[in-house]
Every structure is written in structure tokens, then in C-alpha cells.
Amino acid sequence: MALSVDVIPNRSSPPAILLREAWREGKRIRRRTVANLSKMPPALVDAIRAALDGGVVFPSLDAAVAIRRSRPHGHVAAVLGTLRALGLVRVLGRKAGRMRDLAVAAIVARVVDPASKLATARALDPETASTSLGTLLGLGPVTGNEMLDMLD
């Protein structure tokens, strides 16, 4: 069984570009249309054709992907997972809420990278985040006053 991109000419309209599957039954070759690629841009059809032929779609990864930001995640996930496994999250409060999430974030941040409450708030804020902790807990913007109110 093989996949290919076939161009089927039409008399009075543009040719149909089809993604087709072909297989052999005895001495006959059978074909089945998997997708109609006629509405796709030619560059995308060429990329699909190149990928099916085993070629390279992008000459280099740098041409295809641009890394805008990369935040450390592994150590945060490990400490947060341990905290949840120990049941410490439920000790902080039975109902989920922002204050409980801020308390969990403060504990994890203290283990991962000890800092002041204000520095922790800055590290949790999406604009200035130093780890994935704020994203994992879904905190959004965090202020220093919220961190201090969380202690009450």
C-alpha cells in the first residue's frame, strides 16, 4: 500500500489534486482517494508530496521553528507532583481557590528557588515568569500584595 499525490486533468476546469492510496489485488492495482487537495496552496501540496517521497520538507529546523521563550519545567513538575502525592494541597484547603493555589505556589517556589514574596510573585506572573509554575496552577497575573494576603 502506498500514498501518492495525483493530478487528475479536467476538461474545462482546473485539475483535481488528490491524495490517493494504492494497493495491489492479484494483478490489478486498486486506488482509493483519501483526500482532495485541490483547495490547498501549491506550496503545501508540494510539501505533502515531498514528505510522501521521503524528502525533507524544511531544509533546517531553524527555518521552520522559532523559539520565543523556554521556561524550566521538570523540577517544578516534580516538586508539585510530590506535594500533591503527599496530600499537602488538601491540607491547605478542601475547596480549590486562588488563595490555596497561591499557597501551593509559594511552597513549591520556596523549594525550587527560595526568594522573597515579592520575587516569588514576579516569578509567577506570566510576563516575568522564570518557571512554568504559574502556568501549571493557572494563576495568571500575581501581585506582591496577593502573596502577602495569602499568608493571612
N, C-alpha and C. Protein backbone atom coordinates (compact mmCIF):
# COMPACT_ATOMS: atom_id res chain seq x y z
N MET A 1 0.85 -1.17 0.00
CA MET A 1 0.00 0.00 0.00
C MET A 1 0.90 1.24 0.00
N ALA A 2 0.55 2.20 -0.84
CA ALA A 2 1.35 3.42 -0.96
C ALA A 2 0.43 4.62 -1.10
N LEU A 3 0.91 5.74 -0.59
CA LEU A 3 0.19 7.01 -0.73
C LEU A 3 0.91 7.86 -1.77
N SER A 4 0.13 8.59 -2.56
CA SER A 4 0.72 9.47 -3.55
C SER A 4 -0.20 10.65 -3.79
N VAL A 5 0.37 11.70 -4.36
CA VAL A 5 -0.40 12.88 -4.76
C VAL A 5 -0.53 12.81 -6.27
N ASP A 6 -1.77 12.69 -6.75
CA ASP A 6 -2.04 12.58 -8.19
C ASP A 6 -2.75 13.83 -8.68
N VAL A 7 -2.38 14.27 -9.87
CA VAL A 7 -3.04 15.39 -10.52
C VAL A 7 -3.90 14.81 -11.64
N ILE A 8 -5.21 14.99 -11.53
CA ILE A 8 -6.16 14.45 -12.50
C ILE A 8 -6.67 15.61 -13.35
N PRO A 9 -6.38 15.61 -14.66
CA PRO A 9 -6.84 16.73 -15.50
C PRO A 9 -8.35 16.70 -15.72
N ASN A 10 -8.94 17.88 -15.77
CA ASN A 10 -10.35 18.05 -16.10
C ASN A 10 -10.44 18.87 -17.37
N ARG A 11 -11.45 18.63 -18.18
CA ARG A 11 -11.54 19.31 -19.48
C ARG A 11 -11.68 20.82 -19.36
N SER A 12 -12.71 21.27 -18.69
CA SER A 12 -12.97 22.71 -18.68
C SER A 12 -12.76 23.36 -17.31
N SER A 13 -12.21 22.63 -16.37
CA SER A 13 -11.97 23.19 -15.04
C SER A 13 -10.55 22.85 -14.61
N PRO A 14 -10.08 23.47 -13.55
CA PRO A 14 -8.71 23.20 -13.09
C PRO A 14 -8.55 21.72 -12.72
N PRO A 15 -7.33 21.22 -12.79
CA PRO A 15 -7.11 19.81 -12.46
C PRO A 15 -7.38 19.53 -10.99
N ALA A 16 -7.82 18.30 -10.71
CA ALA A 16 -8.05 17.87 -9.33
C ALA A 16 -6.74 17.33 -8.77
N ILE A 17 -6.39 17.76 -7.59
CA ILE A 17 -5.18 17.28 -6.92
C ILE A 17 -5.66 16.39 -5.78
N LEU A 18 -5.34 15.10 -5.86
CA LEU A 18 -5.89 14.12 -4.92
C LEU A 18 -4.78 13.39 -4.19
N LEU A 19 -5.01 13.16 -2.91
CA LEU A 19 -4.15 12.28 -2.13
C LEU A 19 -4.76 10.89 -2.25
N ARG A 20 -4.02 9.95 -2.84
CA ARG A 20 -4.59 8.64 -3.13
C ARG A 20 -3.77 7.53 -2.52
N GLU A 21 -4.48 6.47 -2.19
CA GLU A 21 -3.89 5.26 -1.64
C GLU A 21 -3.98 4.19 -2.74
N ALA A 22 -2.90 3.46 -2.96
CA ALA A 22 -2.90 2.42 -3.99
C ALA A 22 -2.42 1.10 -3.40
N TRP A 23 -3.04 0.00 -3.82
CA TRP A 23 -2.64 -1.34 -3.38
C TRP A 23 -2.91 -2.32 -4.50
N ARG A 24 -2.32 -3.48 -4.40
CA ARG A 24 -2.44 -4.50 -5.43
C ARG A 24 -3.37 -5.60 -4.96
N GLU A 25 -4.31 -5.97 -5.83
CA GLU A 25 -5.18 -7.13 -5.61
C GLU A 25 -4.97 -8.07 -6.78
N GLY A 26 -4.18 -9.10 -6.56
CA GLY A 26 -3.83 -10.00 -7.65
C GLY A 26 -2.96 -9.26 -8.65
N LYS A 27 -3.42 -9.20 -9.91
CA LYS A 27 -2.66 -8.50 -10.93
C LYS A 27 -3.15 -7.06 -11.14
N ARG A 28 -4.20 -6.68 -10.45
CA ARG A 28 -4.78 -5.34 -10.62
C ARG A 28 -4.29 -4.38 -9.54
N ILE A 29 -4.18 -3.13 -9.90
CA ILE A 29 -3.83 -2.08 -8.93
C ILE A 29 -5.10 -1.31 -8.63
N ARG A 30 -5.46 -1.25 -7.37
CA ARG A 30 -6.66 -0.53 -6.91
C ARG A 30 -6.23 0.80 -6.31
N ARG A 31 -7.07 1.82 -6.50
CA ARG A 31 -6.80 3.14 -5.93
C ARG A 31 -8.03 3.64 -5.20
N ARG A 32 -7.77 4.35 -4.12
CA ARG A 32 -8.84 4.97 -3.34
C ARG A 32 -8.40 6.38 -3.00
N THR A 33 -9.30 7.34 -3.18
CA THR A 33 -8.99 8.74 -2.86
C THR A 33 -9.16 8.95 -1.37
N VAL A 34 -8.10 9.44 -0.74
CA VAL A 34 -8.11 9.70 0.70
C VAL A 34 -8.54 11.14 0.97
N ALA A 35 -8.03 12.09 0.18
CA ALA A 35 -8.36 13.50 0.39
C ALA A 35 -8.24 14.27 -0.92
N ASN A 36 -9.05 15.31 -1.04
CA ASN A 36 -8.98 16.22 -2.17
C ASN A 36 -8.15 17.42 -1.74
N LEU A 37 -7.01 17.60 -2.38
CA LEU A 37 -6.08 18.67 -2.01
C LEU A 37 -6.19 19.88 -2.95
N SER A 38 -7.22 19.92 -3.78
CA SER A 38 -7.35 20.96 -4.81
C SER A 38 -7.41 22.37 -4.23
N LYS A 39 -8.01 22.55 -3.08
CA LYS A 39 -8.17 23.89 -2.48
C LYS A 39 -6.95 24.33 -1.67
N MET A 40 -5.99 23.44 -1.48
CA MET A 40 -4.80 23.78 -0.69
C MET A 40 -3.81 24.58 -1.53
N PRO A 41 -3.00 25.42 -0.88
CA PRO A 41 -1.99 26.18 -1.61
C PRO A 41 -0.96 25.24 -2.25
N PRO A 42 -0.43 25.61 -3.40
CA PRO A 42 0.55 24.75 -4.08
C PRO A 42 1.77 24.41 -3.23
N ALA A 43 2.21 25.35 -2.40
CA ALA A 43 3.38 25.09 -1.55
C ALA A 43 3.10 23.96 -0.57
N LEU A 44 1.88 23.92 -0.03
CA LEU A 44 1.51 22.86 0.90
C LEU A 44 1.40 21.52 0.19
N VAL A 45 0.87 21.52 -1.02
CA VAL A 45 0.78 20.28 -1.80
C VAL A 45 2.18 19.76 -2.11
N ASP A 46 3.10 20.67 -2.45
CA ASP A 46 4.48 20.26 -2.71
C ASP A 46 5.14 19.71 -1.45
N ALA A 47 4.83 20.29 -0.29
CA ALA A 47 5.38 19.79 0.98
C ALA A 47 4.85 18.40 1.28
N ILE A 48 3.56 18.17 1.03
CA ILE A 48 2.98 16.83 1.25
C ILE A 48 3.62 15.83 0.30
N ARG A 49 3.77 16.23 -0.95
CA ARG A 49 4.40 15.35 -1.94
C ARG A 49 5.83 15.01 -1.52
N ALA A 50 6.59 16.00 -1.05
CA ALA A 50 7.97 15.76 -0.61
C ALA A 50 8.01 14.84 0.60
N ALA A 51 7.09 15.03 1.54
CA ALA A 51 7.06 14.17 2.73
C ALA A 51 6.73 12.73 2.35
N LEU A 52 5.82 12.54 1.42
CA LEU A 52 5.46 11.18 0.99
C LEU A 52 6.60 10.51 0.23
N ASP A 53 7.41 11.30 -0.47
CA ASP A 53 8.54 10.75 -1.20
C ASP A 53 9.75 10.52 -0.30
N GLY A 54 9.63 10.86 0.98
CA GLY A 54 10.74 10.66 1.92
C GLY A 54 11.72 11.80 1.93
N GLY A 55 11.37 12.89 1.31
CA GLY A 55 12.25 14.04 1.26
C GLY A 55 12.14 14.90 2.50
N VAL A 56 12.86 15.99 2.48
CA VAL A 56 12.88 16.92 3.60
C VAL A 56 11.94 18.08 3.28
N VAL A 57 11.00 18.32 4.17
CA VAL A 57 10.04 19.40 3.95
C VAL A 57 10.68 20.74 4.29
N PHE A 58 11.43 20.79 5.38
CA PHE A 58 12.12 22.01 5.79
C PHE A 58 13.61 21.75 5.71
N PRO A 59 14.37 22.66 5.10
CA PRO A 59 15.81 22.44 4.99
C PRO A 59 16.51 22.39 6.35
N SER A 60 16.00 23.16 7.31
CA SER A 60 16.57 23.11 8.65
C SER A 60 15.47 23.40 9.66
N LEU A 61 15.66 22.95 10.86
CA LEU A 61 14.68 23.18 11.91
C LEU A 61 14.57 24.67 12.23
N ASP A 62 15.67 25.39 12.11
CA ASP A 62 15.65 26.82 12.39
C ASP A 62 14.75 27.58 11.42
N ALA A 63 14.62 27.08 10.21
CA ALA A 63 13.75 27.74 9.23
C ALA A 63 12.28 27.49 9.53
N ALA A 64 11.98 26.39 10.21
CA ALA A 64 10.59 26.02 10.47
C ALA A 64 10.08 26.49 11.82
N VAL A 65 10.95 26.57 12.81
CA VAL A 65 10.53 26.85 14.18
C VAL A 65 11.34 28.00 14.74
N ALA A 66 10.66 28.89 15.42
CA ALA A 66 11.33 29.98 16.12
C ALA A 66 10.96 29.88 17.60
N ILE A 67 11.93 29.65 18.45
CA ILE A 67 11.68 29.55 19.88
C ILE A 67 11.64 30.96 20.44
N ARG A 68 10.47 31.32 20.98
CA ARG A 68 10.31 32.66 21.54
C ARG A 68 10.68 32.68 23.01
N ARG A 69 10.34 31.60 23.72
CA ARG A 69 10.59 31.57 25.15
C ARG A 69 10.61 30.13 25.61
N SER A 70 11.52 29.83 26.51
CA SER A 70 11.61 28.49 27.06
C SER A 70 11.79 28.61 28.57
N ARG A 71 10.85 28.03 29.31
CA ARG A 71 10.92 28.12 30.76
C ARG A 71 11.20 26.74 31.35
N PRO A 72 12.02 26.66 32.41
CA PRO A 72 12.27 25.38 33.06
C PRO A 72 10.98 24.77 33.60
N HIS A 73 10.84 23.45 33.48
CA HIS A 73 9.58 22.81 33.87
C HIS A 73 9.77 21.57 34.73
N GLY A 74 10.79 20.77 34.47
CA GLY A 74 10.92 19.46 35.10
C GLY A 74 10.96 19.49 36.62
N HIS A 75 11.80 20.33 37.19
CA HIS A 75 11.91 20.38 38.64
C HIS A 75 10.63 20.90 39.28
N VAL A 76 9.94 21.82 38.61
CA VAL A 76 8.67 22.34 39.12
C VAL A 76 7.63 21.23 39.13
N ALA A 77 7.55 20.46 38.04
CA ALA A 77 6.58 19.37 37.96
C ALA A 77 6.87 18.30 39.01
N ALA A 78 8.14 18.03 39.28
CA ALA A 78 8.50 17.02 40.27
C ALA A 78 8.08 17.45 41.68
N VAL A 79 8.38 18.68 42.04
CA VAL A 79 8.02 19.17 43.39
C VAL A 79 6.51 19.28 43.53
N LEU A 80 5.83 19.79 42.51
CA LEU A 80 4.37 19.91 42.56
C LEU A 80 3.71 18.53 42.63
N GLY A 81 4.23 17.58 41.88
CA GLY A 81 3.70 16.21 41.93
C GLY A 81 3.89 15.58 43.30
N THR A 82 5.04 15.79 43.91
CA THR A 82 5.30 15.26 45.25
C THR A 82 4.38 15.91 46.27
N LEU A 83 4.17 17.21 46.14
CA LEU A 83 3.27 17.94 47.03
C LEU A 83 1.85 17.38 46.95
N ARG A 84 1.41 17.11 45.74
CA ARG A 84 0.06 16.55 45.56
C ARG A 84 0.00 15.11 46.05
N ALA A 85 1.05 14.34 45.81
CA ALA A 85 1.06 12.94 46.25
C ALA A 85 1.03 12.83 47.77
N LEU A 86 1.67 13.76 48.45
CA LEU A 86 1.67 13.76 49.91
C LEU A 86 0.35 14.24 50.49
N GLY A 87 -0.49 14.84 49.67
CA GLY A 87 -1.78 15.34 50.14
C GLY A 87 -1.70 16.70 50.81
N LEU A 88 -0.60 17.40 50.62
CA LEU A 88 -0.43 18.70 51.26
C LEU A 88 -1.38 19.75 50.68
N VAL A 89 -1.79 19.56 49.44
CA VAL A 89 -2.71 20.52 48.82
C VAL A 89 -4.05 20.51 49.55
N ARG A 90 -4.54 19.33 49.93
CA ARG A 90 -5.82 19.23 50.65
C ARG A 90 -5.69 19.76 52.08
N VAL A 91 -4.51 19.69 52.65
CA VAL A 91 -4.30 20.23 53.99
C VAL A 91 -4.44 21.76 53.96
N LEU A 92 -4.02 22.37 52.87
CA LEU A 92 -4.10 23.82 52.75
C LEU A 92 -5.53 24.32 52.57
N GLY A 93 -6.41 23.48 52.10
CA GLY A 93 -7.81 23.86 51.92
C GLY A 93 -8.53 22.83 51.10
N ARG A 94 -9.75 22.50 51.52
CA ARG A 94 -10.51 21.48 50.80
C ARG A 94 -11.06 22.01 49.48
N LYS A 95 -11.48 23.28 49.48
CA LYS A 95 -12.03 23.86 48.26
C LYS A 95 -10.91 24.53 47.46
N ALA A 96 -10.93 24.28 46.16
CA ALA A 96 -9.95 24.93 45.30
C ALA A 96 -10.26 26.42 45.21
N GLY A 97 -9.23 27.21 45.28
CA GLY A 97 -9.40 28.66 45.20
C GLY A 97 -8.06 29.32 44.92
N ARG A 98 -8.12 30.59 44.63
CA ARG A 98 -6.89 31.31 44.30
C ARG A 98 -5.92 31.35 45.46
N MET A 99 -6.41 31.57 46.68
CA MET A 99 -5.51 31.65 47.84
C MET A 99 -4.81 30.32 48.08
N ARG A 100 -5.54 29.21 47.91
CA ARG A 100 -4.91 27.90 48.07
C ARG A 100 -3.85 27.69 46.98
N ASP A 101 -4.17 28.08 45.76
CA ASP A 101 -3.21 27.92 44.67
C ASP A 101 -1.98 28.80 44.89
N LEU A 102 -2.18 29.99 45.43
CA LEU A 102 -1.04 30.85 45.74
C LEU A 102 -0.18 30.25 46.85
N ALA A 103 -0.82 29.62 47.84
CA ALA A 103 -0.06 28.97 48.92
C ALA A 103 0.75 27.80 48.37
N VAL A 104 0.13 27.00 47.50
CA VAL A 104 0.86 25.88 46.87
C VAL A 104 2.03 26.42 46.06
N ALA A 105 1.79 27.49 45.31
CA ALA A 105 2.85 28.09 44.51
C ALA A 105 3.98 28.61 45.39
N ALA A 106 3.64 29.20 46.53
CA ALA A 106 4.67 29.72 47.45
C ALA A 106 5.52 28.59 48.00
N ILE A 107 4.89 27.46 48.33
CA ILE A 107 5.65 26.31 48.87
C ILE A 107 6.57 25.74 47.80
N VAL A 108 6.03 25.52 46.61
CA VAL A 108 6.84 24.95 45.52
C VAL A 108 7.97 25.91 45.15
N ALA A 109 7.68 27.20 45.08
CA ALA A 109 8.71 28.18 44.74
C ALA A 109 9.79 28.23 45.81
N ARG A 110 9.41 28.06 47.06
CA ARG A 110 10.39 28.09 48.16
C ARG A 110 11.35 26.90 48.04
N VAL A 111 10.83 25.74 47.61
CA VAL A 111 11.68 24.55 47.45
C VAL A 111 12.56 24.69 46.20
N VAL A 112 11.97 25.14 45.11
CA VAL A 112 12.67 25.20 43.83
C VAL A 112 13.69 26.33 43.80
N ASP A 113 13.28 27.52 44.18
CA ASP A 113 14.15 28.69 44.12
C ASP A 113 13.77 29.65 45.24
N PRO A 114 14.37 29.50 46.42
CA PRO A 114 13.98 30.34 47.56
C PRO A 114 14.19 31.83 47.26
N ALA A 115 13.14 32.61 47.54
CA ALA A 115 13.19 34.05 47.31
C ALA A 115 12.14 34.72 48.17
N SER A 116 12.12 36.04 48.15
CA SER A 116 11.13 36.79 48.93
C SER A 116 9.74 36.63 48.30
N LYS A 117 8.72 37.09 49.01
CA LYS A 117 7.34 37.00 48.50
C LYS A 117 7.19 37.82 47.22
N LEU A 118 7.80 39.01 47.19
CA LEU A 118 7.71 39.86 46.00
C LEU A 118 8.42 39.20 44.81
N ALA A 119 9.58 38.63 45.06
CA ALA A 119 10.31 37.95 43.98
C ALA A 119 9.54 36.72 43.50
N THR A 120 8.87 36.02 44.42
CA THR A 120 8.05 34.87 44.05
C THR A 120 6.87 35.33 43.20
N ALA A 121 6.25 36.45 43.58
CA ALA A 121 5.13 36.98 42.79
C ALA A 121 5.60 37.33 41.38
N ARG A 122 6.76 37.92 41.26
CA ARG A 122 7.30 38.24 39.93
C ARG A 122 7.60 36.98 39.14
N ALA A 123 8.09 35.95 39.82
CA ALA A 123 8.42 34.70 39.13
C ALA A 123 7.17 33.95 38.69
N LEU A 124 6.03 34.21 39.32
CA LEU A 124 4.78 33.54 38.96
C LEU A 124 4.01 34.28 37.88
N ASP A 125 4.22 35.57 37.76
CA ASP A 125 3.48 36.39 36.78
C ASP A 125 3.84 35.95 35.36
N PRO A 126 2.85 35.78 34.48
CA PRO A 126 3.14 35.30 33.12
C PRO A 126 4.13 36.17 32.33
N GLU A 127 4.13 37.47 32.57
CA GLU A 127 5.03 38.36 31.84
C GLU A 127 6.48 38.19 32.24
N THR A 128 6.72 37.87 33.51
CA THR A 128 8.09 37.79 34.01
C THR A 128 8.40 36.42 34.59
N ALA A 129 7.66 35.40 34.20
CA ALA A 129 7.80 34.06 34.78
C ALA A 129 9.20 33.49 34.54
N SER A 130 9.73 32.86 35.58
CA SER A 130 11.03 32.21 35.45
C SER A 130 10.89 30.70 35.34
N THR A 131 9.70 30.16 35.68
CA THR A 131 9.41 28.73 35.55
C THR A 131 7.98 28.56 35.04
N SER A 132 7.56 27.32 34.89
CA SER A 132 6.20 27.04 34.41
C SER A 132 5.20 26.91 35.55
N LEU A 133 5.58 27.24 36.77
CA LEU A 133 4.72 27.04 37.94
C LEU A 133 3.40 27.81 37.84
N GLY A 134 3.46 29.08 37.50
CA GLY A 134 2.23 29.88 37.39
C GLY A 134 1.28 29.34 36.34
N THR A 135 1.83 28.85 35.25
CA THR A 135 1.00 28.27 34.18
C THR A 135 0.38 26.96 34.63
N LEU A 136 1.16 26.12 35.31
CA LEU A 136 0.64 24.83 35.79
C LEU A 136 -0.53 25.01 36.75
N LEU A 137 -0.46 26.02 37.58
CA LEU A 137 -1.52 26.26 38.56
C LEU A 137 -2.61 27.19 38.02
N GLY A 138 -2.41 27.73 36.84
CA GLY A 138 -3.41 28.61 36.23
C GLY A 138 -3.62 29.90 37.01
N LEU A 139 -2.54 30.49 37.47
CA LEU A 139 -2.65 31.66 38.34
C LEU A 139 -2.89 32.97 37.58
N GLY A 140 -2.32 33.13 36.43
CA GLY A 140 -2.45 34.41 35.73
C GLY A 140 -1.58 35.46 36.42
N PRO A 141 -1.90 36.74 36.27
CA PRO A 141 -1.10 37.79 36.90
C PRO A 141 -1.14 37.69 38.43
N VAL A 142 0.02 37.83 39.06
CA VAL A 142 0.13 37.74 40.53
C VAL A 142 0.83 39.00 41.02
N THR A 143 0.29 39.59 42.08
CA THR A 143 0.92 40.79 42.66
C THR A 143 1.55 40.43 44.00
N GLY A 144 2.44 41.30 44.43
CA GLY A 144 3.08 41.10 45.73
C GLY A 144 2.08 41.17 46.87
N ASN A 145 1.07 42.05 46.76
CA ASN A 145 0.05 42.16 47.81
C ASN A 145 -0.76 40.87 47.93
N GLU A 146 -1.02 40.20 46.82
CA GLU A 146 -1.74 38.92 46.87
C GLU A 146 -0.93 37.88 47.63
N MET A 147 0.38 37.89 47.42
CA MET A 147 1.24 36.93 48.13
C MET A 147 1.21 37.21 49.64
N LEU A 148 1.18 38.48 50.01
CA LEU A 148 1.12 38.81 51.43
C LEU A 148 -0.26 38.51 52.01
N ASP A 149 -1.33 38.76 51.26
CA ASP A 149 -2.69 38.44 51.72
C ASP A 149 -2.89 36.94 51.87
N MET A 150 -2.20 36.16 51.05
CA MET A 150 -2.31 34.71 51.11
C MET A 150 -1.84 34.18 52.47
N LEU A 151 -0.93 34.88 53.09
CA LEU A 151 -0.40 34.42 54.38
C LEU A 151 -1.41 34.58 55.52
N ASP A 152 -2.39 35.44 55.36
CA ASP A 152 -3.39 35.67 56.42
C ASP A 152 -4.40 34.58 56.51
